[in-house]
Amino acid sequence: MTLTPGQRAALKNLARKKSGEAVDWINIGDARALTDQGLAERTSAGWVITPAGAAALAASGEP
């Protein structure tokens, strides 16, 4: 799966958000693209990373 630089940045922000860190804003277009790929979802708490998103990030080898 290929992510754009913006989608990759959004996914990393969502991972940091999940761990309780303060994160930069997340581009809605990038977040929606991640949702379409099953890597994020929109909840009442905002955008969150899914287990598939966390796995994709881990598989990419990026911190």
C-alpha atoms as a PDB file:
ATOM      1  CA  MET A   1       0.000   0.000   0.000  1.00  0.00           C
ATOM      2  CA  THR A   2       1.387   3.380  -0.984  1.00  0.00           C
ATOM      3  CA  LEU A   3       0.658   6.466   1.092  1.00  0.00           C
ATOM      4  CA  THR A   4       1.274  10.043   0.083  1.00  0.00           C
ATOM      5  CA  PRO A   5       3.593  12.072   2.308  1.00  0.00           C
ATOM      6  CA  GLY A   6       0.528  13.836   3.760  1.00  0.00           C
ATOM      7  CA  GLN A   7      -1.242  10.559   4.511  1.00  0.00           C
ATOM      8  CA  ARG A   8       1.922   9.178   6.115  1.00  0.00           C
ATOM      9  CA  ALA A   9       2.221  12.299   8.293  1.00  0.00           C
ATOM     10  CA  ALA A  10      -1.454  12.062   9.276  1.00  0.00           C
ATOM     11  CA  LEU A  11      -1.076   8.397  10.179  1.00  0.00           C
ATOM     12  CA  LYS A  12       1.976   9.166  12.339  1.00  0.00           C
ATOM     13  CA  ASN A  13       0.056  11.990  14.031  1.00  0.00           C
ATOM     14  CA  LEU A  14      -2.845   9.646  14.759  1.00  0.00           C
ATOM     15  CA  ALA A  15      -0.457   7.105  16.276  1.00  0.00           C
ATOM     16  CA  ARG A  16       1.053   9.779  18.518  1.00  0.00           C
ATOM     17  CA  LYS A  17      -2.437  11.037  19.413  1.00  0.00           C
ATOM     18  CA  LYS A  18      -3.407   7.520  20.488  1.00  0.00           C
ATOM     19  CA  SER A  19      -0.425   7.382  22.832  1.00  0.00           C
ATOM     20  CA  GLY A  20      -1.564  10.630  24.453  1.00  0.00           C
ATOM     21  CA  GLU A  21       0.812  13.071  22.786  1.00  0.00           C
ATOM     22  CA  ALA A  22      -0.269  16.472  21.543  1.00  0.00           C
ATOM     23  CA  VAL A  23      -0.285  16.438  17.739  1.00  0.00           C
ATOM     24  CA  ASP A  24      -0.413  18.899  14.884  1.00  0.00           C
ATOM     25  CA  TRP A  25      -3.599  19.327  12.924  1.00  0.00           C
ATOM     26  CA  ILE A  26      -4.581  16.505  10.616  1.00  0.00           C
ATOM     27  CA  ASN A  27      -5.571  17.273   7.039  1.00  0.00           C
ATOM     28  CA  ILE A  28      -9.157  16.112   6.531  1.00  0.00           C
ATOM     29  CA  GLY A  29      -8.472  14.911   2.986  1.00  0.00           C
ATOM     30  CA  ASP A  30      -5.580  12.783   4.198  1.00  0.00           C
ATOM     31  CA  ALA A  31      -7.638  11.443   7.107  1.00  0.00           C
ATOM     32  CA  ARG A  32     -10.499  10.547   4.777  1.00  0.00           C
ATOM     33  CA  ALA A  33      -8.106   8.737   2.438  1.00  0.00           C
ATOM     34  CA  LEU A  34      -6.780   6.773   5.428  1.00  0.00           C
ATOM     35  CA  THR A  35     -10.370   5.939   6.384  1.00  0.00           C
ATOM     36  CA  ASP A  36     -11.070   4.695   2.862  1.00  0.00           C
ATOM     37  CA  GLN A  37      -8.078   2.363   3.233  1.00  0.00           C
ATOM     38  CA  GLY A  38      -9.180   1.163   6.695  1.00  0.00           C
ATOM     39  CA  LEU A  39      -6.192   2.775   8.407  1.00  0.00           C
ATOM     40  CA  ALA A  40      -8.187   5.360  10.392  1.00  0.00           C
ATOM     41  CA  GLU A  41     -11.745   6.005  11.425  1.00  0.00           C
ATOM     42  CA  ARG A  42     -13.821   8.971  12.487  1.00  0.00           C
ATOM     43  CA  THR A  43     -15.345   8.696  15.953  1.00  0.00           C
ATOM     44  CA  SER A  44     -17.047  11.136  18.291  1.00  0.00           C
ATOM     45  CA  ALA A  45     -13.555  11.792  19.711  1.00  0.00           C
ATOM     46  CA  GLY A  46     -12.211  12.718  16.261  1.00  0.00           C
ATOM     47  CA  TRP A  47      -9.960  10.809  13.878  1.00  0.00           C
ATOM     48  CA  VAL A  48      -8.323   7.708  15.365  1.00  0.00           C
ATOM     49  CA  ILE A  49      -5.858   5.176  14.021  1.00  0.00           C
ATOM     50  CA  THR A  50      -7.168   1.639  13.517  1.00  0.00           C
ATOM     51  CA  PRO A  51      -5.262  -1.557  14.296  1.00  0.00           C
ATOM     52  CA  ALA A  52      -4.654  -1.883  10.545  1.00  0.00           C
ATOM     53  CA  GLY A  53      -3.248   1.648  10.509  1.00  0.00           C
ATOM     54  CA  ALA A  54      -0.906   0.879  13.401  1.00  0.00           C
ATOM     55  CA  ALA A  55       0.229  -2.301  11.637  1.00  0.00           C
ATOM     56  CA  ALA A  56       0.846  -0.435   8.381  1.00  0.00           C
ATOM     57  CA  LEU A  57       2.878   2.185  10.210  1.00  0.00           C
ATOM     58  CA  ALA A  58       4.910  -0.497  12.007  1.00  0.00           C
ATOM     59  CA  ALA A  59       5.482  -2.364   8.737  1.00  0.00           C
ATOM     60  CA  SER A  60       6.774   0.804   7.093  1.00  0.00           C
ATOM     61  CA  GLY A  61       9.610   0.926   9.624  1.00  0.00           C
ATOM     62  CA  GLU A  62       8.970   4.591  10.370  1.00  0.00           C
ATOM     63  CA  PRO A  63       9.031   5.838  13.956  1.00  0.00           C
END
